[in-house]
Amino acid sequence: MKPFAGLVVLDRDGVLNHTVFHNDAEPRDSPLTPEAVRIVEGVPALLARLENAGFVLAVASNQPSAAKGKTTQEALERTHERVLELVRAEGARVAHSYVCYHRAEDGCACRKPRTGMLEAALEATPESTRATSWMVGDRATDILAGAALGFSTAYLGPGYPGDEELFRKHGVRPSFVAGDLREFGEFLLRGTPAMGAIKLFSDGADLASLLEIARHPRISGFTTNPTLMRQAGVSDYLAFAGAALEAVGERPISFEVFADDFSEMARQAKRLAALGTNVFVKIPITNTRGESSEALVRELSVENGVRINVTAVCTVDQVRAVTRALAGGAPAVVSVFAGRIADTGRDPIPVMKEARAVADASGAAVELLWASPREVLNVVQAELAGAHIITVPHDMLKKLDLFGKDLAEYSLETVRMFHRDAQSAGYTL
């Protein structure tokens, strides 16, 4: 029996089959009859290879043409069956197939970017998790649906007008961008690790670096703390905060209180929260005397609507306490310092997995953040452990271009570096 490799949910039109022109007054659209179906070259063979490699294949397609009066649902059903028949030509099995026949204005739960069809595919594939699932499509609505469930996402083709605006509006970026399904499929078959739906937050306090990082398409938020600010030479806290907010736009950013008394922490937190609706206020899990900040977190989040980032968390019991305090409050982040846990010789992944289960069961509007990463591998580990966010220091951001790099190529580059440096040094034996 072949090992399970992941769930791949595929949009249909523009991914499996070509779109068509129905008349000169409208853009390309779905085929409306079986006779109009033209499969993208190479797709059946690729799907057979993916299925043979252990991937479970599903299709999720919006098909509103009958609801719009352009054809009948029976014609759409026959057209869809023709697509499935042709993509199975090389022996691939499409395990699950879902079609939404509603219009956007019908308000159904299945039409992408809503997640009903993806949820059905995940439920029908019990061996998969959100972290091992992909949504593949050629429109922003496909990517938004996948990202909403925590799937990795692949955005194919040249894209559609308005897609970039939707990505910016929702703070979502595709995990992978490719020209067509074949390019993406080869990526999967190489076994290249996926940088999935996990959010990357830049961690730092140097304004020049922050401005540079803010242009990076994968960065969807920012964090800082008093230690980083001191190292960066920040002397005026509010002036720095104002400049940082201007640089990051509408993306979330976390600023930390620096008092040790809880009443003063509360005052500072409200002052920082007033700087912008995208500000999350960092509250340490305890003060310097080890006294829990649980009551303060509840007061700020539930009673005052302050967005909180509970920081310096290292144990599941701490996660349990703060998520209990955050239940019923404003959207919040809980920062588990996985890198510091690893520094003690403990594996942070089981801690993070249990923390995610606790957070999900709490009912709080909480995202789990993997803090203090040490290497690019932590991005994969954080994703698999269930973290929603990982912080990325500036030095680590530079290494993200290595993500998924061919190891044989990397080996050759390393050998060439050693040889070049030895020659430059003029060594002799």
Protein backbone atom coordinates (compact mmCIF):
# COMPACT_ATOMS: atom_id res chain seq x y z
CA MET A 1 0.00 0.00 0.00
CA LYS A 2 1.47 3.36 -1.01
CA PRO A 3 2.07 5.89 1.78
CA PHE A 4 -0.29 8.84 2.02
CA ALA A 5 1.35 12.02 0.69
CA GLY A 6 -1.41 14.62 1.07
CA LEU A 7 -4.80 15.83 -0.10
CA VAL A 8 -4.83 17.95 -3.28
CA VAL A 9 -8.08 19.79 -3.97
CA LEU A 10 -8.17 21.10 -7.53
CA ASP A 11 -10.23 23.86 -9.05
CA ARG A 12 -11.53 22.75 -12.45
CA ASP A 13 -11.74 25.41 -15.17
CA GLY A 14 -8.36 26.86 -16.07
CA VAL A 15 -6.64 24.13 -14.06
CA LEU A 16 -7.82 20.80 -15.48
CA ASN A 17 -9.56 22.03 -18.63
CA HIS A 18 -9.35 25.12 -20.79
CA THR A 19 -11.88 27.90 -20.45
CA VAL A 20 -13.77 28.92 -23.59
CA PHE A 21 -15.25 32.01 -25.28
CA HIS A 22 -19.05 31.85 -25.51
CA ASN A 23 -19.36 35.19 -27.31
CA ASP A 24 -17.24 38.25 -28.06
CA ALA A 25 -18.93 40.34 -25.34
CA GLU A 26 -17.88 38.11 -22.41
CA PRO A 27 -14.53 36.90 -21.07
CA ARG A 28 -13.48 33.28 -21.17
CA ASP A 29 -15.68 31.06 -19.02
CA SER A 30 -16.51 27.44 -18.18
CA PRO A 31 -17.48 25.06 -20.98
CA LEU A 32 -21.25 24.53 -20.99
CA THR A 33 -21.44 21.28 -22.95
CA PRO A 34 -19.41 18.05 -22.90
CA GLU A 35 -18.36 18.73 -26.51
CA ALA A 36 -16.70 22.01 -25.49
CA VAL A 37 -14.39 20.37 -22.93
CA ARG A 38 -10.66 20.53 -23.76
CA ILE A 39 -8.30 19.10 -21.15
CA VAL A 40 -5.04 20.97 -20.51
CA GLU A 41 -2.21 19.05 -22.16
CA GLY A 42 -0.36 16.70 -19.82
CA VAL A 43 -2.88 16.92 -16.97
CA PRO A 44 -4.16 13.28 -17.05
CA ALA A 45 -0.63 11.86 -16.97
CA LEU A 46 0.38 14.23 -14.19
CA LEU A 47 -2.65 13.32 -12.05
CA ALA A 48 -1.83 9.63 -12.49
CA ARG A 49 1.70 10.28 -11.22
CA LEU A 50 0.41 12.26 -8.25
CA GLU A 51 -2.05 9.56 -7.31
CA ASN A 52 0.64 6.91 -7.68
CA ALA A 53 2.86 8.95 -5.34
CA GLY A 54 0.20 8.79 -2.63
CA PHE A 55 -1.73 12.01 -3.13
CA VAL A 56 -5.51 11.90 -2.79
CA LEU A 57 -7.13 13.99 -5.55
CA ALA A 58 -10.33 15.98 -5.26
CA VAL A 59 -12.07 18.55 -7.47
CA ALA A 60 -14.01 21.58 -6.17
CA SER A 61 -15.63 23.78 -8.80
CA ASN A 62 -17.99 26.77 -8.84
CA GLN A 63 -20.50 26.34 -11.70
CA PRO A 64 -23.20 29.05 -11.51
CA SER A 65 -24.14 29.16 -15.23
CA ALA A 66 -27.48 27.37 -14.79
CA ALA A 67 -28.43 29.65 -11.89
CA LYS A 68 -27.61 32.59 -14.18
CA GLY A 69 -29.90 31.23 -16.91
CA LYS A 70 -27.14 30.39 -19.39
CA THR A 71 -27.78 26.64 -19.50
CA THR A 72 -29.36 23.84 -17.49
CA GLN A 73 -27.97 22.08 -14.43
CA GLU A 74 -28.29 18.78 -16.27
CA ALA A 75 -25.97 20.11 -19.01
CA LEU A 76 -23.48 21.27 -16.40
CA GLU A 77 -23.55 17.86 -14.72
CA ARG A 78 -22.85 16.10 -18.03
CA THR A 79 -20.04 18.58 -18.76
CA HIS A 80 -18.48 17.95 -15.36
CA GLU A 81 -18.63 14.19 -15.87
CA ARG A 82 -16.87 14.65 -19.21
CA VAL A 83 -14.06 16.57 -17.51
CA LEU A 84 -13.63 13.79 -14.93
CA GLU A 85 -13.72 11.12 -17.65
CA LEU A 86 -10.92 12.82 -19.58
CA VAL A 87 -8.67 13.54 -16.59
CA ARG A 88 -8.90 9.87 -15.63
CA ALA A 89 -7.62 8.85 -19.06
CA GLU A 90 -4.17 7.89 -17.74
CA GLY A 91 -5.58 5.89 -14.82
CA ALA A 92 -5.71 8.56 -12.13
CA ARG A 93 -8.54 8.27 -9.62
CA VAL A 94 -10.28 11.46 -8.59
CA ALA A 95 -11.39 10.36 -5.14
CA HIS A 96 -13.84 13.19 -4.45
CA SER A 97 -15.68 15.64 -6.68
CA TYR A 98 -17.77 18.63 -5.58
CA VAL A 99 -19.65 21.23 -7.61
CA CYS A 100 -21.38 24.37 -6.34
CA TYR A 101 -24.18 25.46 -8.65
CA HIS A 102 -25.01 28.65 -6.73
CA ARG A 103 -24.37 32.30 -7.60
CA ALA A 104 -22.35 34.55 -5.32
CA GLU A 105 -25.51 36.35 -4.19
CA ASP A 106 -27.16 33.08 -3.07
CA GLY A 107 -25.07 33.08 0.12
CA CYS A 108 -24.41 29.33 0.18
CA ALA A 109 -21.70 27.68 2.27
CA CYS A 110 -20.13 25.83 -0.66
CA ARG A 111 -19.24 28.48 -3.23
CA LYS A 112 -15.57 29.46 -3.04
CA PRO A 113 -14.18 31.50 -1.32
CA ARG A 114 -16.44 29.83 1.24
CA THR A 115 -15.05 26.55 2.41
CA GLY A 116 -17.88 24.01 2.23
CA MET A 117 -16.48 21.92 -0.62
CA LEU A 118 -12.98 21.91 0.89
CA GLU A 119 -14.34 20.87 4.27
CA ALA A 120 -16.21 18.00 2.60
CA ALA A 121 -13.01 16.84 0.86
CA LEU A 122 -11.07 16.98 4.13
CA GLU A 123 -13.78 15.08 6.00
CA ALA A 124 -13.81 12.43 3.25
CA THR A 125 -10.01 12.03 3.58
CA PRO A 126 -9.51 11.11 7.26
CA GLU A 127 -5.81 10.44 6.77
CA SER A 128 -5.24 14.11 5.88
CA THR A 129 -5.05 17.22 8.03
CA ARG A 130 -5.24 20.87 7.10
CA ALA A 131 -1.45 21.00 7.25
CA THR A 132 -1.14 18.18 4.67
CA SER A 133 -3.78 19.55 2.29
CA TRP A 134 -3.51 21.80 -0.76
CA MET A 135 -6.03 23.97 -2.59
CA VAL A 136 -4.97 24.55 -6.20
CA GLY A 137 -6.65 27.11 -8.41
CA ASP A 138 -6.28 29.95 -10.88
CA ARG A 139 -8.31 32.59 -9.04
CA ALA A 140 -7.99 34.48 -5.77
CA THR A 141 -11.25 32.92 -4.56
CA ASP A 142 -9.59 29.48 -4.66
CA ILE A 143 -6.64 30.73 -2.62
CA LEU A 144 -8.84 32.52 -0.09
CA ALA A 145 -10.89 29.36 0.44
CA GLY A 146 -7.80 27.26 1.01
CA ALA A 147 -6.15 29.78 3.30
CA ALA A 148 -9.32 30.09 5.38
CA LEU A 149 -9.04 26.39 6.29
CA GLY A 150 -5.28 26.43 6.82
CA PHE A 151 -4.52 24.53 3.59
CA SER A 152 -1.39 25.25 1.62
CA THR A 153 -2.36 26.99 -1.61
CA ALA A 154 -1.09 27.03 -5.21
CA TYR A 155 -2.03 29.88 -7.55
CA LEU A 156 -1.77 28.95 -11.24
CA GLY A 157 -1.57 30.85 -14.50
CA PRO A 158 -1.41 34.56 -15.23
CA GLY A 159 -4.17 35.39 -12.75
CA TYR A 160 -7.30 37.48 -13.10
CA PRO A 161 -7.90 41.23 -12.77
CA GLY A 162 -8.66 42.12 -9.18
CA ASP A 163 -6.94 39.08 -7.65
CA GLU A 164 -4.02 41.06 -6.24
CA GLU A 165 -6.43 43.53 -4.67
CA LEU A 166 -8.26 40.64 -2.98
CA PHE A 167 -5.00 39.19 -1.69
CA ARG A 168 -4.06 42.55 -0.17
CA LYS A 169 -7.52 43.11 1.29
CA HIS A 170 -7.54 39.77 3.07
CA GLY A 171 -3.83 39.68 3.94
CA VAL A 172 -3.39 36.38 2.11
CA ARG A 173 -0.62 35.25 -0.21
CA PRO A 174 -0.47 31.94 -2.12
CA SER A 175 1.94 29.38 -0.72
CA PHE A 176 3.16 28.56 -4.24
CA VAL A 177 2.82 30.26 -7.61
CA ALA A 178 3.16 28.35 -10.88
CA GLY A 179 2.35 28.78 -14.55
CA ASP A 180 0.14 25.71 -14.73
CA LEU A 181 -0.78 22.48 -12.97
CA ARG A 182 2.11 20.57 -14.48
CA GLU A 183 4.65 22.94 -12.95
CA PHE A 184 3.00 22.66 -9.55
CA GLY A 185 2.70 18.89 -9.85
CA GLU A 186 6.40 18.51 -10.54
CA PHE A 187 7.05 20.58 -7.42
CA LEU A 188 4.98 18.15 -5.35
CA LEU A 189 6.57 15.09 -6.92
CA ARG A 190 10.07 16.35 -6.12
CA GLY A 191 9.11 16.14 -2.48
CA THR A 192 9.97 19.79 -1.97
CA PRO A 193 8.84 20.98 1.45
CA ALA A 194 5.92 23.36 1.33
CA MET A 195 5.81 26.74 2.96
CA GLY A 196 2.11 26.52 3.48
CA ALA A 197 -0.59 28.74 4.82
CA ILE A 198 1.28 29.68 7.99
CA LYS A 199 1.64 33.45 8.34
CA LEU A 200 5.11 34.97 8.47
CA PHE A 201 5.52 37.90 10.86
CA SER A 202 8.70 39.95 10.76
CA ASP A 203 10.37 40.32 14.17
CA GLY A 204 12.62 43.33 14.70
CA ALA A 205 12.93 47.01 15.58
CA ASP A 206 15.35 48.48 13.05
CA LEU A 207 13.29 50.92 10.98
CA ALA A 208 15.43 50.62 7.86
CA SER A 209 15.07 46.84 7.90
CA LEU A 210 11.39 47.12 8.70
CA LEU A 211 10.80 49.31 5.66
CA GLU A 212 12.64 46.80 3.48
CA ILE A 213 10.82 43.80 4.95
CA ALA A 214 7.43 45.50 4.60
CA ARG A 215 7.79 45.13 0.82
CA HIS A 216 8.25 41.36 1.07
CA PRO A 217 5.13 39.61 -0.33
CA ARG A 218 5.17 36.80 2.25
CA ILE A 219 5.23 39.04 5.33
CA SER A 220 1.72 39.53 6.70
CA GLY A 221 2.46 41.03 10.13
CA PHE A 222 5.11 42.44 12.47
CA THR A 223 6.25 42.08 16.07
CA THR A 224 8.80 43.82 18.24
CA ASN A 225 9.79 43.99 21.93
CA PRO A 226 11.79 46.26 24.27
CA THR A 227 14.96 44.17 23.91
CA LEU A 228 14.92 44.45 20.11
CA MET A 229 14.12 48.16 20.35
CA ARG A 230 17.05 48.76 22.73
CA GLN A 231 19.39 46.81 20.44
CA ALA A 232 18.22 48.94 17.50
CA GLY A 233 18.95 52.15 19.41
CA VAL A 234 15.32 53.23 19.79
CA SER A 235 15.07 56.01 22.39
CA ASP A 236 11.58 57.43 21.78
CA TYR A 237 9.03 54.60 22.04
CA LEU A 238 6.02 56.49 20.64
CA ALA A 239 7.98 58.03 17.78
CA PHE A 240 9.21 54.58 16.79
CA ALA A 241 5.70 53.15 17.03
CA GLY A 242 4.30 55.90 14.81
CA ALA A 243 6.98 55.36 12.16
CA ALA A 244 6.50 51.59 12.29
CA LEU A 245 2.74 51.90 11.86
CA GLU A 246 3.22 54.11 8.84
CA ALA A 247 5.56 51.53 7.30
CA VAL A 248 3.37 48.46 7.84
CA GLY A 249 0.08 49.93 6.61
CA GLU A 250 -2.96 47.90 7.68
CA ARG A 251 -1.07 44.74 8.61
CA PRO A 252 -1.04 43.74 12.30
CA ILE A 253 1.87 44.82 14.47
CA SER A 254 2.61 44.01 18.12
CA PHE A 255 4.10 46.52 20.60
CA GLU A 256 4.97 45.43 24.15
CA VAL A 257 4.30 47.10 27.47
CA PHE A 258 7.37 47.53 29.66
CA ALA A 259 5.90 48.15 33.13
CA ASP A 260 6.08 45.49 35.86
CA ASP A 261 3.03 46.63 37.83
CA PHE A 262 -0.24 45.35 36.38
CA SER A 263 -2.13 48.63 36.78
CA GLU A 264 0.62 50.46 34.88
CA MET A 265 0.68 47.68 32.28
CA ALA A 266 -3.04 48.30 31.76
CA ARG A 267 -2.47 52.03 31.24
CA GLN A 268 0.37 51.43 28.77
CA ALA A 269 -1.66 48.80 26.93
CA LYS A 270 -4.57 51.17 26.37
CA ARG A 271 -2.18 53.89 25.19
CA LEU A 272 -0.60 51.54 22.66
CA ALA A 273 -3.95 50.12 21.50
CA ALA A 274 -5.14 53.65 20.75
CA LEU A 275 -2.37 54.05 18.16
CA GLY A 276 -4.22 51.97 15.56
CA THR A 277 -6.83 49.28 15.00
CA ASN A 278 -4.11 46.93 13.74
CA VAL A 279 -2.09 47.15 16.98
CA PHE A 280 -1.79 44.08 19.19
CA VAL A 281 -0.44 44.84 22.66
CA LYS A 282 2.11 42.39 24.00
CA ILE A 283 1.45 41.42 27.62
CA PRO A 284 4.00 39.09 29.26
CA ILE A 285 2.58 35.89 30.72
CA THR A 286 3.81 36.99 34.18
CA ASN A 287 5.52 40.00 35.71
CA THR A 288 9.12 39.77 36.96
CA ARG A 289 7.87 38.33 40.28
CA GLY A 290 6.24 35.40 38.50
CA GLU A 291 2.68 36.65 39.15
CA SER A 292 0.23 35.61 36.43
CA SER A 293 -1.14 38.29 34.11
CA GLU A 294 -4.30 36.24 33.48
CA ALA A 295 -6.59 38.76 35.22
CA LEU A 296 -5.06 41.68 33.31
CA VAL A 297 -5.43 39.83 30.00
CA ARG A 298 -9.11 39.22 30.72
CA GLU A 299 -9.66 42.87 31.71
CA LEU A 300 -8.01 44.22 28.57
CA SER A 301 -9.38 41.72 26.06
CA VAL A 302 -12.89 40.94 27.30
CA GLU A 303 -13.81 44.16 29.10
CA ASN A 304 -11.95 46.73 26.96
CA GLY A 305 -11.70 45.06 23.54
CA VAL A 306 -7.90 45.43 23.35
CA ARG A 307 -6.17 43.07 20.92
CA ILE A 308 -3.61 41.18 23.00
CA ASN A 309 -0.46 39.25 22.14
CA VAL A 310 0.39 37.21 25.25
CA THR A 311 4.15 36.74 25.11
CA ALA A 312 6.97 34.72 26.72
CA VAL A 313 4.72 31.63 26.95
CA CYS A 314 6.62 28.34 27.37
CA THR A 315 4.19 25.79 28.83
CA VAL A 316 0.84 24.29 27.86
CA ASP A 317 -0.54 25.20 31.29
CA GLN A 318 0.21 28.85 30.49
CA VAL A 319 -1.61 28.49 27.15
CA ARG A 320 -4.57 26.96 28.98
CA ALA A 321 -4.71 29.84 31.46
CA VAL A 322 -4.49 32.68 28.94
CA THR A 323 -6.90 31.17 26.42
CA ARG A 324 -9.38 30.78 29.27
CA ALA A 325 -8.86 34.47 30.04
CA LEU A 326 -9.25 35.45 26.37
CA ALA A 327 -12.50 33.54 25.77
CA GLY A 328 -15.19 35.98 24.67
CA GLY A 329 -12.67 38.76 24.08
CA ALA A 330 -11.08 40.51 21.13
CA PRO A 331 -8.95 38.67 18.56
CA ALA A 332 -5.65 37.71 20.19
CA VAL A 333 -2.31 36.00 19.69
CA VAL A 334 -0.53 33.64 22.06
CA SER A 335 3.23 33.57 21.47
CA VAL A 336 4.80 30.25 22.45
CA PHE A 337 8.59 30.61 22.58
CA ALA A 338 9.36 27.38 20.76
CA GLY A 339 13.00 28.34 20.10
CA ARG A 340 13.65 28.87 23.80
CA ILE A 341 11.93 25.57 24.59
CA ALA A 342 14.31 23.87 22.12
CA ASP A 343 17.28 25.65 23.75
CA THR A 344 16.55 23.61 26.92
CA GLY A 345 16.85 20.32 25.03
CA ARG A 346 13.10 19.79 24.79
CA ASP A 347 11.22 19.19 21.54
CA PRO A 348 8.82 22.13 21.06
CA ILE A 349 6.64 20.37 18.49
CA PRO A 350 4.59 18.26 20.97
CA VAL A 351 4.20 21.36 23.14
CA MET A 352 2.91 23.37 20.18
CA LYS A 353 0.54 20.61 19.05
CA GLU A 354 -0.99 20.37 22.51
CA ALA A 355 -1.14 24.16 22.72
CA ARG A 356 -3.08 24.25 19.43
CA ALA A 357 -5.56 21.69 20.74
CA VAL A 358 -6.04 23.74 23.92
CA ALA A 359 -6.50 26.95 21.94
CA ASP A 360 -9.04 25.36 19.58
CA ALA A 361 -11.06 23.98 22.49
CA SER A 362 -11.04 27.27 24.41
CA GLY A 363 -13.52 29.12 22.22
CA ALA A 364 -11.24 32.16 22.25
CA ALA A 365 -10.45 34.06 19.04
CA VAL A 366 -6.80 33.08 19.33
CA GLU A 367 -3.98 32.50 16.87
CA LEU A 368 -0.96 30.54 18.03
CA LEU A 369 2.45 32.03 17.22
CA TRP A 370 5.76 30.09 17.08
CA ALA A 371 8.22 32.59 18.56
CA SER A 372 12.04 32.71 18.67
CA PRO A 373 12.73 30.55 15.60
CA ARG A 374 16.31 29.49 14.93
CA GLU A 375 16.29 28.19 11.35
CA VAL A 376 14.16 27.93 8.20
CA LEU A 377 13.22 24.34 9.12
CA ASN A 378 11.19 25.86 11.97
CA VAL A 379 8.72 27.20 9.37
CA VAL A 380 7.88 23.63 8.33
CA GLN A 381 7.84 22.43 11.94
CA ALA A 382 5.57 25.28 13.03
CA GLU A 383 3.15 24.53 10.19
CA LEU A 384 2.99 20.82 10.97
CA ALA A 385 2.59 21.52 14.70
CA GLY A 386 -0.47 23.66 14.06
CA ALA A 387 0.87 27.17 14.67
CA HIS A 388 -0.97 29.89 12.77
CA ILE A 389 1.99 32.30 12.71
CA ILE A 390 5.78 32.17 12.95
CA THR A 391 8.02 35.16 13.55
CA VAL A 392 10.92 35.59 11.12
CA PRO A 393 13.94 37.71 12.11
CA HIS A 394 15.62 39.72 9.36
CA ASP A 395 18.57 37.31 9.03
CA MET A 396 16.24 34.34 8.70
CA LEU A 397 14.10 36.13 6.12
CA LYS A 398 17.17 36.30 3.88
CA LYS A 399 17.37 32.50 4.02
CA LEU A 400 13.80 31.93 2.86
CA ASP A 401 15.00 31.97 -0.74
CA LEU A 402 16.67 28.64 0.09
CA PHE A 403 13.30 27.09 0.95
CA GLY A 404 12.94 23.85 -1.01
CA LYS A 405 16.27 24.34 -2.80
CA ASP A 406 17.51 21.29 -4.71
CA LEU A 407 19.97 19.56 -2.33
CA ALA A 408 22.26 18.23 -5.06
CA GLU A 409 22.55 21.75 -6.45
CA TYR A 410 23.22 23.10 -2.96
CA SER A 411 25.92 20.47 -2.47
CA LEU A 412 27.65 21.50 -5.70
CA GLU A 413 27.49 25.19 -4.73
CA THR A 414 29.10 24.35 -1.39
CA VAL A 415 31.96 22.41 -3.03
CA ARG A 416 32.56 25.32 -5.41
CA MET A 417 32.61 27.77 -2.49
CA PHE A 418 35.27 25.72 -0.65
CA HIS A 419 37.36 25.49 -3.83
CA ARG A 420 37.03 29.19 -4.62
CA ASP A 421 37.97 30.24 -1.09
CA ALA A 422 40.99 27.92 -1.00
CA GLN A 423 42.23 29.39 -4.28
CA SER A 424 41.63 32.96 -3.09
CA ALA A 425 43.61 32.25 0.08
CA GLY A 426 46.55 30.89 -1.95
CA TYR A 427 46.90 27.73 0.15
CA THR A 428 49.64 25.24 -0.76
CA LEU A 429 50.56 21.81 0.60
